[in-house]
Amino acid sequence: MRVIIGYGNSLRGEDAFGLDVIKELQRLSLKDTKLISGHQLIPEIVLELLDANEIIFIDTCHNEKNNYSLACSLAQQNNLNLSHHISPKTIIEMLNTLYGNHPDFSIYSMMSGSFDEIMDLNKYRECVNVVSKHLECY
């Protein structure tokens, strides 16, 4: 099963990107796909990922210079950080270490310099649509 996780804060402008992509995907009939949305990644989400063979994370990444650029990468992290901010890499490490589950994974991030408001609604919607369409055909 494929699991797509969109996360962010709908009260913080462009930080809602992951949530908005999930809303678009919910309108579709995606086969063998589970959609999850949330404010942030939390350790308990691992329990919803035990049957996943592929996990896709969708979020916003703060970047002052490349607004509305899309990136697909997952930065390396050397330890399990269980503080307020938990990264996708930490979730994957928990699945690997605690449950012996080794799914494929990727991340889609929209670069944004504004978490206060959506600065350009047309460009924002275009990013949501590009990622949604890609995941629909994926």
Protein backbone atom coordinates (compact mmCIF):
# COMPACT_ATOMS: atom_id res chain seq x y z
CA MET A 1 0.00 0.00 0.00
CA ARG A 2 1.12 3.55 -0.77
CA VAL A 3 0.70 6.15 1.98
CA ILE A 4 0.80 9.88 1.24
CA ILE A 5 1.25 12.19 4.23
CA GLY A 6 0.63 15.91 3.84
CA TYR A 7 1.46 18.07 6.81
CA GLY A 8 1.63 21.74 7.74
CA ASN A 9 -0.30 24.52 9.39
CA SER A 10 -3.38 25.85 7.62
CA LEU A 11 -3.16 29.03 9.72
CA ARG A 12 0.33 29.84 8.44
CA GLY A 13 -0.20 30.72 4.78
CA GLU A 14 1.96 28.66 2.46
CA ASP A 15 2.81 26.20 5.24
CA ALA A 16 -0.55 24.57 4.37
CA PHE A 17 0.88 23.17 1.10
CA GLY A 18 0.94 19.53 2.26
CA LEU A 19 -2.61 19.77 3.59
CA ASP A 20 -3.86 21.35 0.37
CA VAL A 21 -2.29 18.63 -1.77
CA ILE A 22 -4.05 15.98 0.36
CA LYS A 23 -7.37 17.84 -0.10
CA GLU A 24 -6.89 17.68 -3.87
CA LEU A 25 -5.99 13.98 -3.75
CA GLN A 26 -9.06 13.20 -1.64
CA ARG A 27 -11.22 14.21 -4.62
CA LEU A 28 -9.72 11.37 -6.65
CA SER A 29 -10.13 7.61 -6.45
CA LEU A 30 -6.53 6.59 -5.84
CA LYS A 31 -6.07 2.86 -5.88
CA ASP A 32 -4.27 1.16 -2.99
CA THR A 33 -3.45 4.55 -1.44
CA LYS A 34 -4.01 5.87 2.08
CA LEU A 35 -4.07 9.65 2.57
CA ILE A 36 -3.07 11.23 5.89
CA SER A 37 -3.02 14.91 6.79
CA GLY A 38 -1.83 16.54 9.98
CA HIS A 39 -0.34 19.57 11.62
CA GLN A 40 3.06 17.91 12.04
CA LEU A 41 4.68 14.50 12.05
CA ILE A 42 4.34 12.69 15.37
CA PRO A 43 5.80 9.36 16.52
CA GLU A 44 2.35 7.73 16.68
CA ILE A 45 1.95 8.05 12.91
CA VAL A 46 4.33 5.11 12.57
CA LEU A 47 1.47 2.81 13.61
CA GLU A 48 -0.51 3.92 10.54
CA LEU A 49 2.45 3.11 8.28
CA LEU A 50 3.13 -0.50 9.24
CA ASP A 51 1.52 -1.91 6.06
CA ALA A 52 3.06 0.69 3.74
CA ASN A 53 5.48 -0.37 1.03
CA GLU A 54 5.83 3.25 -0.12
CA ILE A 55 5.52 6.50 1.84
CA ILE A 56 5.39 9.98 0.32
CA PHE A 57 5.76 13.04 2.55
CA ILE A 58 4.47 16.44 1.36
CA ASP A 59 5.35 19.70 3.09
CA THR A 60 6.61 23.26 2.75
CA CYS A 61 10.28 24.12 3.14
CA HIS A 62 11.37 27.61 4.17
CA ASN A 63 13.54 29.15 1.46
CA GLU A 64 13.71 32.92 0.89
CA LYS A 65 15.17 32.80 -2.64
CA ASN A 66 13.31 30.03 -4.48
CA ASN A 67 9.64 30.68 -3.73
CA TYR A 68 7.28 28.18 -5.39
CA SER A 69 10.07 25.89 -6.53
CA LEU A 70 9.38 22.21 -6.00
CA ALA A 71 11.96 19.78 -4.65
CA CYS A 72 12.04 16.06 -4.05
CA SER A 73 14.68 15.09 -1.52
CA LEU A 74 15.15 13.72 1.94
CA ALA A 75 18.09 15.10 3.88
CA GLN A 76 20.14 12.64 5.87
CA GLN A 77 19.74 12.67 9.62
CA ASN A 78 22.12 10.84 11.92
CA ASN A 79 20.00 10.33 15.01
CA LEU A 80 16.45 9.75 16.16
CA ASN A 81 15.20 13.17 17.21
CA LEU A 82 11.96 12.89 19.19
CA SER A 83 11.58 16.58 19.99
CA HIS A 84 8.88 19.01 18.85
CA HIS A 85 9.90 18.72 15.18
CA ILE A 86 10.13 15.18 13.84
CA SER A 87 11.48 14.76 10.33
CA PRO A 88 10.36 12.25 7.70
CA LYS A 89 13.76 10.58 8.10
CA THR A 90 13.02 9.99 11.80
CA ILE A 91 9.67 8.37 10.92
CA ILE A 92 11.41 6.07 8.43
CA GLU A 93 14.13 5.21 10.96
CA MET A 94 11.47 4.34 13.53
CA LEU A 95 9.75 2.02 11.02
CA ASN A 96 13.09 0.38 10.18
CA THR A 97 14.38 0.01 13.72
CA LEU A 98 11.24 -0.72 15.72
CA TYR A 99 9.19 -2.73 13.22
CA GLY A 100 11.65 -4.02 10.62
CA ASN A 101 9.63 -2.28 7.90
CA HIS A 102 11.73 -0.80 5.07
CA PRO A 103 9.35 1.01 2.70
CA ASP A 104 10.42 3.14 -0.24
CA PHE A 105 10.00 6.80 0.59
CA SER A 106 10.22 10.27 -0.91
CA ILE A 107 9.34 13.85 -0.08
CA TYR A 108 7.78 16.62 -2.12
CA SER A 109 8.45 20.10 -0.79
CA MET A 110 7.37 23.51 -2.01
CA MET A 111 9.88 26.23 -1.24
CA SER A 112 8.39 29.28 0.46
CA GLY A 113 9.62 32.44 2.08
CA SER A 114 6.23 33.21 3.63
CA PHE A 115 4.52 31.30 6.37
CA ASP A 116 2.38 34.33 7.21
CA GLU A 117 0.23 34.38 4.09
CA ILE A 118 -0.02 33.03 0.55
CA MET A 119 1.95 35.62 -1.40
CA ASP A 120 0.93 34.54 -4.92
CA LEU A 121 -2.24 32.45 -4.99
CA ASN A 122 -1.84 31.51 -8.67
CA LYS A 123 1.69 30.15 -8.22
CA TYR A 124 0.69 28.42 -4.99
CA ARG A 125 -2.29 26.69 -6.67
CA GLU A 126 -0.06 25.71 -9.59
CA CYS A 127 2.34 23.94 -7.20
CA VAL A 128 -0.54 22.14 -5.48
CA ASN A 129 -1.89 21.05 -8.87
CA VAL A 130 1.50 19.90 -10.22
CA VAL A 131 2.18 17.66 -7.23
CA SER A 132 -1.41 16.37 -7.09
CA LYS A 133 -1.37 15.46 -10.79
CA HIS A 134 2.02 13.80 -10.47
CA LEU A 135 0.86 11.66 -7.54
CA GLU A 136 -2.39 10.80 -9.31
CA CYS A 137 -0.43 9.35 -12.26
CA TYR A 138 2.41 7.97 -10.13
